[in-house]
C-alpha atoms as a PDB file:
ATOM      1  CA  UNK A   1     143.763 -27.162  27.565  1.00  0.00           C
ATOM      2  CA  UNK A   2     140.998 -26.870  30.153  1.00  0.00           C
ATOM      3  CA  UNK A   3     137.694 -28.229  28.835  1.00  0.00           C
ATOM      4  CA  UNK A   4     134.295 -28.080  30.533  1.00  0.00           C
ATOM      5  CA  UNK A   5     131.763 -30.748  29.538  1.00  0.00           C
ATOM      6  CA  UNK A   6     128.195 -29.748  30.362  1.00  0.00           C
ATOM      7  CA  UNK A   7     126.073 -32.865  30.774  1.00  0.00           C
ATOM      8  CA  UNK A   8     126.933 -36.237  32.252  1.00  0.00           C
ATOM      9  CA  UNK A   9     124.811 -38.437  30.014  1.00  0.00           C
ATOM     10  CA  UNK A  10     126.369 -40.930  27.606  1.00  0.00           C
ATOM     11  CA  UNK A  11     127.251 -38.229  25.058  1.00  0.00           C
ATOM     12  CA  UNK A  12     128.959 -36.025  27.637  1.00  0.00           C
ATOM     13  CA  UNK A  13     130.770 -38.953  29.252  1.00  0.00           C
ATOM     14  CA  UNK A  14     132.034 -40.227  25.886  1.00  0.00           C
ATOM     15  CA  UNK A  15     133.272 -36.726  24.978  1.00  0.00           C
ATOM     16  CA  UNK A  16     134.940 -36.312  28.372  1.00  0.00           C
ATOM     17  CA  UNK A  17     136.745 -39.660  28.074  1.00  0.00           C
ATOM     18  CA  UNK A  18     138.011 -38.883  24.563  1.00  0.00           C
ATOM     19  CA  UNK A  19     139.224 -35.466  25.712  1.00  0.00           C
ATOM     20  CA  UNK A  20     141.003 -36.710  28.819  1.00  0.00           C
ATOM     21  CA  UNK A  21     142.610 -39.486  26.763  1.00  0.00           C
ATOM     22  CA  UNK A  22     143.897 -36.767  24.418  1.00  0.00           C
ATOM     23  CA  UNK A  23     145.534 -34.957  27.347  1.00  0.00           C
ATOM     24  CA  UNK A  24     142.935 -32.293  28.165  1.00  0.00           C
ATOM     25  CA  UNK A  25     142.171 -31.124  31.708  1.00  0.00           C
ATOM     26  CA  UNK A  26     138.477 -32.040  31.850  1.00  0.00           C
ATOM     27  CA  UNK A  27     135.690 -31.060  34.245  1.00  0.00           C
ATOM     28  CA  UNK A  28     132.223 -32.619  33.838  1.00  0.00           C
ATOM     29  CA  UNK A  29     129.165 -30.735  35.141  1.00  0.00           C
ATOM     30  CA  UNK A  30     126.040 -32.832  35.748  1.00  0.00           C
ATOM     31  CA  UNK A  31     122.795 -31.442  37.181  1.00  0.00           C
ATOM     32  CA  UNK A  32     121.669 -34.783  38.591  1.00  0.00           C
ATOM     33  CA  UNK A  33     123.181 -36.555  41.601  1.00  0.00           C
ATOM     34  CA  UNK A  34     124.367 -39.412  39.362  1.00  0.00           C
ATOM     35  CA  UNK A  35     126.064 -39.804  35.994  1.00  0.00           C
ATOM     36  CA  UNK A  36     124.494 -41.587  33.019  1.00  0.00           C
ATOM     37  CA  UNK A  37     121.663 -39.259  31.995  1.00  0.00           C
ATOM     38  CA  UNK A  38     118.617 -41.291  30.969  1.00  0.00           C
ATOM     39  CA  UNK A  39     120.565 -44.534  31.441  1.00  0.00           C
ATOM     40  CA  UNK A  40     120.055 -45.274  35.126  1.00  0.00           C
ATOM     41  CA  UNK A  41     119.342 -47.960  37.660  1.00  0.00           C
ATOM     42  CA  UNK A  42     116.473 -46.743  39.797  1.00  0.00           C
ATOM     43  CA  UNK A  43     117.253 -46.222  43.503  1.00  0.00           C
ATOM     44  CA  UNK A  44     116.563 -49.261  45.656  1.00  0.00           C
ATOM     45  CA  UNK A  45     113.383 -49.253  47.739  1.00  0.00           C
ATOM     46  CA  UNK A  46     112.400 -51.599  50.495  1.00  0.00           C
ATOM     47  CA  UNK A  47     110.386 -54.497  49.098  1.00  0.00           C
ATOM     48  CA  UNK A  48     111.558 -54.052  45.501  1.00  0.00           C
ATOM     49  CA  UNK A  49     112.971 -57.092  43.667  1.00  0.00           C
ATOM     50  CA  UNK A  50     116.650 -57.602  42.974  1.00  0.00           C
ATOM     51  CA  UNK A  51     118.257 -56.319  40.881  1.00  0.00           C
ATOM     52  CA  UNK A  52     116.540 -52.875  40.927  1.00  0.00           C
ATOM     53  CA  UNK A  53     114.702 -51.808  37.727  1.00  0.00           C
ATOM     54  CA  UNK A  54     116.745 -50.153  34.989  1.00  0.00           C
ATOM     55  CA  UNK A  55     115.825 -47.226  32.768  1.00  0.00           C
ATOM     56  CA  UNK A  56     117.489 -46.572  29.434  1.00  0.00           C
ATOM     57  CA  UNK A  57     119.637 -48.712  27.147  1.00  0.00           C
ATOM     58  CA  UNK A  58     117.948 -52.097  27.678  1.00  0.00           C
ATOM     59  CA  UNK A  59     119.081 -53.407  24.307  1.00  0.00           C
ATOM     60  CA  UNK A  60     121.657 -52.422  21.694  1.00  0.00           C
ATOM     61  CA  UNK A  61     122.673 -53.674  18.257  1.00  0.00           C
ATOM     62  CA  UNK A  62     126.036 -54.787  17.012  1.00  0.00           C
ATOM     63  CA  UNK A  63     126.163 -51.761  14.704  1.00  0.00           C
ATOM     64  CA  UNK A  64     126.373 -49.455  17.750  1.00  0.00           C
ATOM     65  CA  UNK A  65     130.150 -49.448  17.438  1.00  0.00           C
ATOM     66  CA  UNK A  66     130.764 -46.215  19.366  1.00  0.00           C
ATOM     67  CA  UNK A  67     128.535 -47.368  22.216  1.00  0.00           C
ATOM     68  CA  UNK A  68     130.407 -50.656  22.440  1.00  0.00           C
ATOM     69  CA  UNK A  69     133.722 -48.759  22.345  1.00  0.00           C
ATOM     70  CA  UNK A  70     132.446 -46.653  25.251  1.00  0.00           C
ATOM     71  CA  UNK A  71     131.715 -49.790  27.278  1.00  0.00           C
ATOM     72  CA  UNK A  72     135.213 -51.104  26.546  1.00  0.00           C
ATOM     73  CA  UNK A  73     136.766 -47.790  27.628  1.00  0.00           C
ATOM     74  CA  UNK A  74     134.992 -47.814  31.006  1.00  0.00           C
ATOM     75  CA  UNK A  75     135.871 -51.459  31.618  1.00  0.00           C
ATOM     76  CA  UNK A  76     132.415 -52.903  30.958  1.00  0.00           C
ATOM     77  CA  UNK A  77     132.986 -54.574  27.592  1.00  0.00           C
ATOM     78  CA  UNK A  78     132.440 -58.007  29.140  1.00  0.00           C
ATOM     79  CA  UNK A  79     129.161 -56.954  30.793  1.00  0.00           C
ATOM     80  CA  UNK A  80     127.008 -57.751  27.760  1.00  0.00           C
ATOM     81  CA  UNK A  81     125.624 -60.834  26.060  1.00  0.00           C
ATOM     82  CA  UNK A  82     125.695 -60.854  22.245  1.00  0.00           C
ATOM     83  CA  UNK A  83     123.418 -63.020  20.102  1.00  0.00           C
ATOM     84  CA  UNK A  84     122.333 -63.090  16.460  1.00  0.00           C
ATOM     85  CA  UNK A  85     119.300 -60.953  15.582  1.00  0.00           C
ATOM     86  CA  UNK A  86     116.145 -63.039  15.808  1.00  0.00           C
ATOM     87  CA  UNK A  87     113.141 -61.186  17.220  1.00  0.00           C
ATOM     88  CA  UNK A  88     110.250 -63.547  18.065  1.00  0.00           C
ATOM     89  CA  UNK A  89     106.943 -61.842  17.284  1.00  0.00           C
ATOM     90  CA  UNK A  90     103.715 -63.192  18.779  1.00  0.00           C
ATOM     91  CA  UNK A  91     100.474 -62.269  17.012  1.00  0.00           C
ATOM     92  CA  UNK A  92      97.088 -61.808  18.674  1.00  0.00           C
ATOM     93  CA  UNK A  93      96.101 -65.387  17.772  1.00  0.00           C
ATOM     94  CA  UNK A  94      99.225 -66.837  19.407  1.00  0.00           C
ATOM     95  CA  UNK A  95     101.152 -67.669  16.232  1.00  0.00           C
ATOM     96  CA  UNK A  96     104.871 -66.913  16.324  1.00  0.00           C
ATOM     97  CA  UNK A  97     107.384 -65.803  13.708  1.00  0.00           C
ATOM     98  CA  UNK A  98     110.819 -64.222  13.881  1.00  0.00           C
ATOM     99  CA  UNK A  99     112.383 -61.150  12.329  1.00  0.00           C
ATOM    100  CA  UNK A 100     115.929 -62.026  11.248  1.00  0.00           C
ATOM    101  CA  UNK A 101     118.244 -60.833   8.432  1.00  0.00           C
ATOM    102  CA  UNK A 102     118.010 -64.059   6.410  1.00  0.00           C
ATOM    103  CA  UNK A 103     116.028 -64.922   3.288  1.00  0.00           C
ATOM    104  CA  UNK A 104     114.543 -67.977   4.976  1.00  0.00           C
ATOM    105  CA  UNK A 105     113.253 -65.940   7.929  1.00  0.00           C
ATOM    106  CA  UNK A 106     111.734 -63.288   5.655  1.00  0.00           C
ATOM    107  CA  UNK A 107     109.933 -65.801   3.444  1.00  0.00           C
ATOM    108  CA  UNK A 108     108.582 -67.727   6.436  1.00  0.00           C
ATOM    109  CA  UNK A 109     107.306 -64.708   8.373  1.00  0.00           C
ATOM    110  CA  UNK A 110     103.856 -66.097   9.177  1.00  0.00           C
ATOM    111  CA  UNK A 111     102.198 -62.830  10.154  1.00  0.00           C
ATOM    112  CA  UNK A 112     101.985 -61.752   6.499  1.00  0.00           C
ATOM    113  CA  UNK A 113     100.139 -63.122   3.503  1.00  0.00           C
ATOM    114  CA  UNK A 114     102.277 -64.927   0.916  1.00  0.00           C
ATOM    115  CA  UNK A 115     102.432 -61.955  -1.454  1.00  0.00           C
ATOM    116  CA  UNK A 116     103.695 -59.668   1.308  1.00  0.00           C
ATOM    117  CA  UNK A 117     106.265 -62.249   2.403  1.00  0.00           C
ATOM    118  CA  UNK A 118     107.589 -62.491  -1.144  1.00  0.00           C
ATOM    119  CA  UNK A 119     107.817 -58.696  -1.283  1.00  0.00           C
ATOM    120  CA  UNK A 120     109.979 -58.421   1.843  1.00  0.00           C
ATOM    121  CA  UNK A 121     113.321 -59.388   0.207  1.00  0.00           C
ATOM    122  CA  UNK A 122     112.420 -57.364  -2.904  1.00  0.00           C
ATOM    123  CA  UNK A 123     111.733 -54.243  -0.834  1.00  0.00           C
ATOM    124  CA  UNK A 124     114.920 -54.794   1.163  1.00  0.00           C
ATOM    125  CA  UNK A 125     116.860 -54.925  -2.082  1.00  0.00           C
ATOM    126  CA  UNK A 126     115.240 -51.699  -3.246  1.00  0.00           C
ATOM    127  CA  UNK A 127     116.090 -50.025   0.071  1.00  0.00           C
ATOM    128  CA  UNK A 128     119.793 -50.491  -0.702  1.00  0.00           C
ATOM    129  CA  UNK A 129     119.616 -47.806  -3.393  1.00  0.00           C
ATOM    130  CA  UNK A 130     116.431 -45.915  -2.529  1.00  0.00           C
ATOM    131  CA  UNK A 131     116.618 -42.168  -1.944  1.00  0.00           C
ATOM    132  CA  UNK A 132     114.382 -40.376   0.515  1.00  0.00           C
ATOM    133  CA  UNK A 133     112.287 -37.489  -0.722  1.00  0.00           C
ATOM    134  CA  UNK A 134     111.991 -34.219   1.138  1.00  0.00           C
ATOM    135  CA  UNK A 135     109.661 -34.476   4.180  1.00  0.00           C
ATOM    136  CA  UNK A 136     108.939 -38.135   3.363  1.00  0.00           C
ATOM    137  CA  UNK A 137     108.262 -40.624   6.149  1.00  0.00           C
ATOM    138  CA  UNK A 138     109.770 -44.081   6.132  1.00  0.00           C
ATOM    139  CA  UNK A 139     106.265 -45.547   5.870  1.00  0.00           C
ATOM    140  CA  UNK A 140     105.600 -43.525   2.719  1.00  0.00           C
ATOM    141  CA  UNK A 141     108.938 -44.651   1.275  1.00  0.00           C
ATOM    142  CA  UNK A 142     108.133 -48.301   1.994  1.00  0.00           C
ATOM    143  CA  UNK A 143     104.763 -48.019   0.255  1.00  0.00           C
ATOM    144  CA  UNK A 144     106.400 -46.264  -2.697  1.00  0.00           C
ATOM    145  CA  UNK A 145     108.681 -49.300  -3.023  1.00  0.00           C
ATOM    146  CA  UNK A 146     105.770 -51.747  -3.058  1.00  0.00           C
ATOM    147  CA  UNK A 147     105.045 -52.469   0.618  1.00  0.00           C
ATOM    148  CA  UNK A 148     101.430 -52.979   1.719  1.00  0.00           C
ATOM    149  CA  UNK A 149      99.818 -51.393   4.773  1.00  0.00           C
ATOM    150  CA  UNK A 150      99.682 -54.836   6.402  1.00  0.00           C
ATOM    151  CA  UNK A 151     103.427 -55.343   5.943  1.00  0.00           C
ATOM    152  CA  UNK A 152     104.167 -51.911   7.405  1.00  0.00           C
ATOM    153  CA  UNK A 153     102.038 -52.723  10.455  1.00  0.00           C
ATOM    154  CA  UNK A 154     103.031 -56.352  11.000  1.00  0.00           C
ATOM    155  CA  UNK A 155     106.697 -56.350   9.994  1.00  0.00           C
ATOM    156  CA  UNK A 156     108.327 -52.959   9.553  1.00  0.00           C
ATOM    157  CA  UNK A 157     106.732 -51.255  12.560  1.00  0.00           C
ATOM    158  CA  UNK A 158     107.767 -54.178  14.773  1.00  0.00           C
ATOM    159  CA  UNK A 159     111.395 -53.634  13.726  1.00  0.00           C
ATOM    160  CA  UNK A 160     111.530 -49.833  13.453  1.00  0.00           C
ATOM    161  CA  UNK A 161     109.571 -48.859  16.554  1.00  0.00           C
ATOM    162  CA  UNK A 162     111.946 -50.402  19.136  1.00  0.00           C
ATOM    163  CA  UNK A 163     114.939 -48.931  17.281  1.00  0.00           C
ATOM    164  CA  UNK A 164     113.675 -45.366  16.727  1.00  0.00           C
ATOM    165  CA  UNK A 165     110.780 -45.118  19.211  1.00  0.00           C
ATOM    166  CA  UNK A 166     108.341 -44.109  16.455  1.00  0.00           C
ATOM    167  CA  UNK A 167     106.116 -45.845  13.930  1.00  0.00           C
ATOM    168  CA  UNK A 168     107.217 -45.980  10.293  1.00  0.00           C
ATOM    169  CA  UNK A 169     104.625 -43.327   9.421  1.00  0.00           C
ATOM    170  CA  UNK A 170     106.244 -40.953  11.935  1.00  0.00           C
ATOM    171  CA  UNK A 171     109.920 -41.684  11.263  1.00  0.00           C
ATOM    172  CA  UNK A 172     111.900 -39.595   8.791  1.00  0.00           C
ATOM    173  CA  UNK A 173     112.658 -41.661   5.703  1.00  0.00           C
ATOM    174  CA  UNK A 174     116.372 -40.944   5.960  1.00  0.00           C
ATOM    175  CA  UNK A 175     116.517 -42.226   9.536  1.00  0.00           C
ATOM    176  CA  UNK A 176     114.610 -45.357   8.560  1.00  0.00           C
ATOM    177  CA  UNK A 177     116.935 -46.006   5.617  1.00  0.00           C
ATOM    178  CA  UNK A 178     119.994 -45.618   7.822  1.00  0.00           C
ATOM    179  CA  UNK A 179     118.592 -48.048  10.405  1.00  0.00           C
ATOM    180  CA  UNK A 180     117.668 -50.735   7.875  1.00  0.00           C
ATOM    181  CA  UNK A 181     120.872 -50.433   5.864  1.00  0.00           C
ATOM    182  CA  UNK A 182     122.991 -50.626   8.998  1.00  0.00           C
ATOM    183  CA  UNK A 183     121.177 -53.370  10.931  1.00  0.00           C
ATOM    184  CA  UNK A 184     119.604 -55.529   8.199  1.00  0.00           C
ATOM    185  CA  UNK A 185     121.654 -54.876   5.070  1.00  0.00           C
ATOM    186  CA  UNK A 186     125.107 -54.379   6.576  1.00  0.00           C
ATOM    187  CA  UNK A 187     127.569 -57.030   7.795  1.00  0.00           C
ATOM    188  CA  UNK A 188     125.829 -59.841   9.666  1.00  0.00           C
ATOM    189  CA  UNK A 189     127.284 -58.830  13.037  1.00  0.00           C
ATOM    190  CA  UNK A 190     125.684 -55.382  12.738  1.00  0.00           C
ATOM    191  CA  UNK A 191     122.305 -56.849  13.596  1.00  0.00           C
ATOM    192  CA  UNK A 192     123.469 -58.744  16.674  1.00  0.00           C
ATOM    193  CA  UNK A 193     121.428 -58.150  19.829  1.00  0.00           C
ATOM    194  CA  UNK A 194     123.560 -56.806  22.676  1.00  0.00           C
ATOM    195  CA  UNK A 195     121.966 -57.263  26.107  1.00  0.00           C
ATOM    196  CA  UNK A 196     123.263 -55.989  29.462  1.00  0.00           C
ATOM    197  CA  UNK A 197     124.312 -58.487  32.109  1.00  0.00           C
ATOM    198  CA  UNK A 198     124.640 -55.969  34.958  1.00  0.00           C
ATOM    199  CA  UNK A 199     122.516 -53.054  36.228  1.00  0.00           C
ATOM    200  CA  UNK A 200     122.682 -50.188  33.742  1.00  0.00           C
ATOM    201  CA  UNK A 201     123.719 -47.614  36.323  1.00  0.00           C
ATOM    202  CA  UNK A 202     126.749 -49.694  37.277  1.00  0.00           C
ATOM    203  CA  UNK A 203     127.715 -50.345  33.640  1.00  0.00           C
ATOM    204  CA  UNK A 204     127.451 -46.733  32.491  1.00  0.00           C
ATOM    205  CA  UNK A 205     127.437 -43.810  34.916  1.00  0.00           C
ATOM    206  CA  UNK A 206     129.301 -45.458  37.797  1.00  0.00           C
ATOM    207  CA  UNK A 207     131.887 -47.109  35.553  1.00  0.00           C
ATOM    208  CA  UNK A 208     132.461 -43.910  33.558  1.00  0.00           C
ATOM    209  CA  UNK A 209     132.847 -41.922  36.772  1.00  0.00           C
ATOM    210  CA  UNK A 210     135.590 -44.293  37.940  1.00  0.00           C
ATOM    211  CA  UNK A 211     137.309 -44.172  34.543  1.00  0.00           C
ATOM    212  CA  UNK A 212     137.277 -40.366  34.511  1.00  0.00           C
ATOM    213  CA  UNK A 213     138.594 -40.152  38.065  1.00  0.00           C
ATOM    214  CA  UNK A 214     141.378 -42.610  37.243  1.00  0.00           C
ATOM    215  CA  UNK A 215     142.353 -40.471  34.249  1.00  0.00           C
ATOM    216  CA  UNK A 216     142.517 -37.300  36.368  1.00  0.00           C
ATOM    217  CA  UNK A 217     139.249 -35.642  35.302  1.00  0.00           C
ATOM    218  CA  UNK A 218     136.959 -33.779  37.710  1.00  0.00           C
ATOM    219  CA  UNK A 219     133.258 -34.638  38.003  1.00  0.00           C
ATOM    220  CA  UNK A 220     130.821 -32.236  39.656  1.00  0.00           C
ATOM    221  CA  UNK A 221     127.379 -33.649  40.463  1.00  0.00           C
ATOM    222  CA  UNK A 222     124.288 -31.641  41.433  1.00  0.00           C
ATOM    223  CA  UNK A 223     125.903 -28.852  39.414  1.00  0.00           C
ATOM    224  CA  UNK A 224     123.439 -27.314  36.959  1.00  0.00           C
ATOM    225  CA  UNK A 225     125.122 -24.788  34.684  1.00  0.00           C
ATOM    226  CA  UNK A 226     123.049 -21.628  34.392  1.00  0.00           C
ATOM    227  CA  UNK A 227     125.367 -19.832  31.970  1.00  0.00           C
ATOM    228  CA  UNK A 228     128.433 -20.856  29.986  1.00  0.00           C
ATOM    229  CA  UNK A 229     130.055 -17.598  31.088  1.00  0.00           C
ATOM    230  CA  UNK A 230     130.416 -18.984  34.613  1.00  0.00           C
ATOM    231  CA  UNK A 231     132.717 -21.765  33.433  1.00  0.00           C
ATOM    232  CA  UNK A 232     136.467 -21.306  33.800  1.00  0.00           C
ATOM    233  CA  UNK A 233     137.578 -23.197  30.696  1.00  0.00           C
ATOM    234  CA  UNK A 234     139.333 -22.736  27.379  1.00  0.00           C
ATOM    235  CA  UNK A 235     136.673 -24.757  25.567  1.00  0.00           C
ATOM    236  CA  UNK A 236     133.178 -26.028  26.372  1.00  0.00           C
ATOM    237  CA  UNK A 237     131.348 -29.133  25.165  1.00  0.00           C
ATOM    238  CA  UNK A 238     127.556 -28.835  25.488  1.00  0.00           C
ATOM    239  CA  UNK A 239     126.057 -32.342  25.771  1.00  0.00           C
ATOM    240  CA  UNK A 240     122.534 -31.733  27.044  1.00  0.00           C
ATOM    241  CA  UNK A 241     119.045 -32.090  25.479  1.00  0.00           C
ATOM    242  CA  UNK A 242     118.118 -29.708  22.612  1.00  0.00           C
ATOM    243  CA  UNK A 243     116.077 -27.202  24.625  1.00  0.00           C
ATOM    244  CA  UNK A 244     118.700 -26.898  27.357  1.00  0.00           C
ATOM    245  CA  UNK A 245     121.440 -26.674  24.746  1.00  0.00           C
ATOM    246  CA  UNK A 246     119.604 -23.827  22.987  1.00  0.00           C
ATOM    247  CA  UNK A 247     119.196 -22.004  26.309  1.00  0.00           C
ATOM    248  CA  UNK A 248     122.881 -22.236  27.126  1.00  0.00           C
ATOM    249  CA  UNK A 249     123.969 -21.207  23.628  1.00  0.00           C
ATOM    250  CA  UNK A 250     121.473 -18.350  23.394  1.00  0.00           C
ATOM    251  CA  UNK A 251     119.733 -19.911  20.404  1.00  0.00           C
ATOM    252  CA  UNK A 252     115.995 -20.140  19.608  1.00  0.00           C
ATOM    253  CA  UNK A 253     114.041 -23.124  20.905  1.00  0.00           C
ATOM    254  CA  UNK A 254     114.616 -25.875  18.312  1.00  0.00           C
ATOM    255  CA  UNK A 255     110.908 -26.776  18.293  1.00  0.00           C
ATOM    256  CA  UNK A 256     111.562 -30.517  18.409  1.00  0.00           C
ATOM    257  CA  UNK A 257     108.811 -32.803  19.667  1.00  0.00           C
ATOM    258  CA  UNK A 258     109.425 -35.147  22.581  1.00  0.00           C
ATOM    259  CA  UNK A 259     109.284 -38.892  21.993  1.00  0.00           C
ATOM    260  CA  UNK A 260     108.765 -40.235  25.514  1.00  0.00           C
ATOM    261  CA  UNK A 261     109.527 -43.745  26.638  1.00  0.00           C
ATOM    262  CA  UNK A 262     107.808 -45.272  29.662  1.00  0.00           C
ATOM    263  CA  UNK A 263     109.487 -48.403  30.981  1.00  0.00           C
ATOM    264  CA  UNK A 264     107.096 -50.583  32.980  1.00  0.00           C
ATOM    265  CA  UNK A 265     108.954 -53.340  34.844  1.00  0.00           C
ATOM    266  CA  UNK A 266     106.888 -56.413  35.726  1.00  0.00           C
ATOM    267  CA  UNK A 267     108.306 -59.004  38.120  1.00  0.00           C
ATOM    268  CA  UNK A 268     106.582 -62.402  38.283  1.00  0.00           C
ATOM    269  CA  UNK A 269     107.140 -65.493  40.400  1.00  0.00           C
ATOM    270  CA  UNK A 270     107.418 -67.767  37.362  1.00  0.00           C
ATOM    271  CA  UNK A 271     108.387 -67.760  33.679  1.00  0.00           C
ATOM    272  CA  UNK A 272     105.496 -66.518  31.518  1.00  0.00           C
ATOM    273  CA  UNK A 273     107.183 -66.096  28.128  1.00  0.00           C
ATOM    274  CA  UNK A 274     110.494 -67.277  26.770  1.00  0.00           C
ATOM    275  CA  UNK A 275     110.371 -64.804  23.889  1.00  0.00           C
ATOM    276  CA  UNK A 276     111.366 -61.159  24.117  1.00  0.00           C
ATOM    277  CA  UNK A 277     108.706 -59.274  22.179  1.00  0.00           C
ATOM    278  CA  UNK A 278     104.971 -59.529  21.698  1.00  0.00           C
ATOM    279  CA  UNK A 279     103.008 -57.877  18.943  1.00  0.00           C
ATOM    280  CA  UNK A 280      99.523 -56.443  19.320  1.00  0.00           C
ATOM    281  CA  UNK A 281      97.680 -53.139  19.639  1.00  0.00           C
ATOM    282  CA  UNK A 282      99.885 -50.419  21.222  1.00  0.00           C
ATOM    283  CA  UNK A 283      98.078 -50.644  24.557  1.00  0.00           C
ATOM    284  CA  UNK A 284      98.853 -54.370  24.745  1.00  0.00           C
ATOM    285  CA  UNK A 285     102.368 -54.413  23.305  1.00  0.00           C
ATOM    286  CA  UNK A 286     105.130 -55.021  25.807  1.00  0.00           C
ATOM    287  CA  UNK A 287     108.855 -55.668  25.841  1.00  0.00           C
ATOM    288  CA  UNK A 288     109.744 -58.231  28.483  1.00  0.00           C
ATOM    289  CA  UNK A 289     113.337 -58.256  29.674  1.00  0.00           C
ATOM    290  CA  UNK A 290     114.570 -61.383  31.416  1.00  0.00           C
ATOM    291  CA  UNK A 291     116.722 -61.064  34.492  1.00  0.00           C
ATOM    292  CA  UNK A 292     119.931 -61.522  32.519  1.00  0.00           C
ATOM    293  CA  UNK A 293     122.033 -61.105  35.625  1.00  0.00           C
ATOM    294  CA  UNK A 294     120.602 -64.351  36.982  1.00  0.00           C
ATOM    295  CA  UNK A 295     118.009 -63.049  39.479  1.00  0.00           C
ATOM    296  CA  UNK A 296     114.628 -64.759  39.879  1.00  0.00           C
ATOM    297  CA  UNK A 297     111.348 -63.168  40.808  1.00  0.00           C
ATOM    298  CA  UNK A 298     109.868 -63.639  44.272  1.00  0.00           C
ATOM    299  CA  UNK A 299     106.536 -61.954  43.797  1.00  0.00           C
ATOM    300  CA  UNK A 300     104.098 -60.736  41.145  1.00  0.00           C
ATOM    301  CA  UNK A 301     104.164 -56.969  41.008  1.00  0.00           C
ATOM    302  CA  UNK A 302     104.717 -53.931  38.834  1.00  0.00           C
ATOM    303  CA  UNK A 303     108.066 -52.740  40.116  1.00  0.00           C
ATOM    304  CA  UNK A 304     107.985 -49.182  38.857  1.00  0.00           C
ATOM    305  CA  UNK A 305     107.226 -46.975  35.884  1.00  0.00           C
ATOM    306  CA  UNK A 306     110.278 -45.053  34.751  1.00  0.00           C
ATOM    307  CA  UNK A 307     109.615 -42.245  32.238  1.00  0.00           C
ATOM    308  CA  UNK A 308     112.373 -40.971  30.000  1.00  0.00           C
ATOM    309  CA  UNK A 309     112.696 -39.403  26.578  1.00  0.00           C
ATOM    310  CA  UNK A 310     114.951 -39.440  23.564  1.00  0.00           C
END
């Protein structure tokens, strides 16, 4: 069977690999000059630090089983570092506490008053069996189960926002429940932090391109598909963003809102923080990624801003 896969992001690459492993004759069409979609290593520029800034999957969780299977399939399973979930959170006054899936960590979370700390394990227990109401946000569900506004802001938002790119009061309750049940209430390894050890472009797009070529698939870059009718294939997999997918399939615009991510990479000549996440007003909140590959900064500069969206 001849199969055309439209889109060379992670979804399209995973589909193409599964199909070629099943014996299909696969051709991947990608509009960009590189594979990987939003997961990229930015092109090198003179004067930029090494390694070049990455855009995309900076962190994963142990519950991302299909993602980890993808890395194994493209030969990059050993290119990650895996540690137990423990997110250090720094408050505006400099005090530090950690988010971790243990009773001790919950009860000692210093950014909440004692009553709110005591409620954390109770609310987690209630989330095991809670059911989302129609059009309910995860924030509304949390409050319905006894969570205060302070706990939503100082605990739940700090956990949910990096995972789903939205605040609890913007996230669908069902999506929030799935995230918490999988990462915090599932097997302990589900909440492990999985960090890349190599540039993202090398680990994803480049590695998948080599794996597809080795399996006999064809990859066409700079090849935007204007119409599915132009494809010579027995079956087509559409793995592109919702608006582009609707255009190709002749369906109405899905009307989904964008949830943009802007990655700002800061490179300093010395260690400033040994923790990974700081908490504060949105304009001051930052996620600082260490040079896991072993590189050290040579200058203080903002390397680049890399916009993307989910």
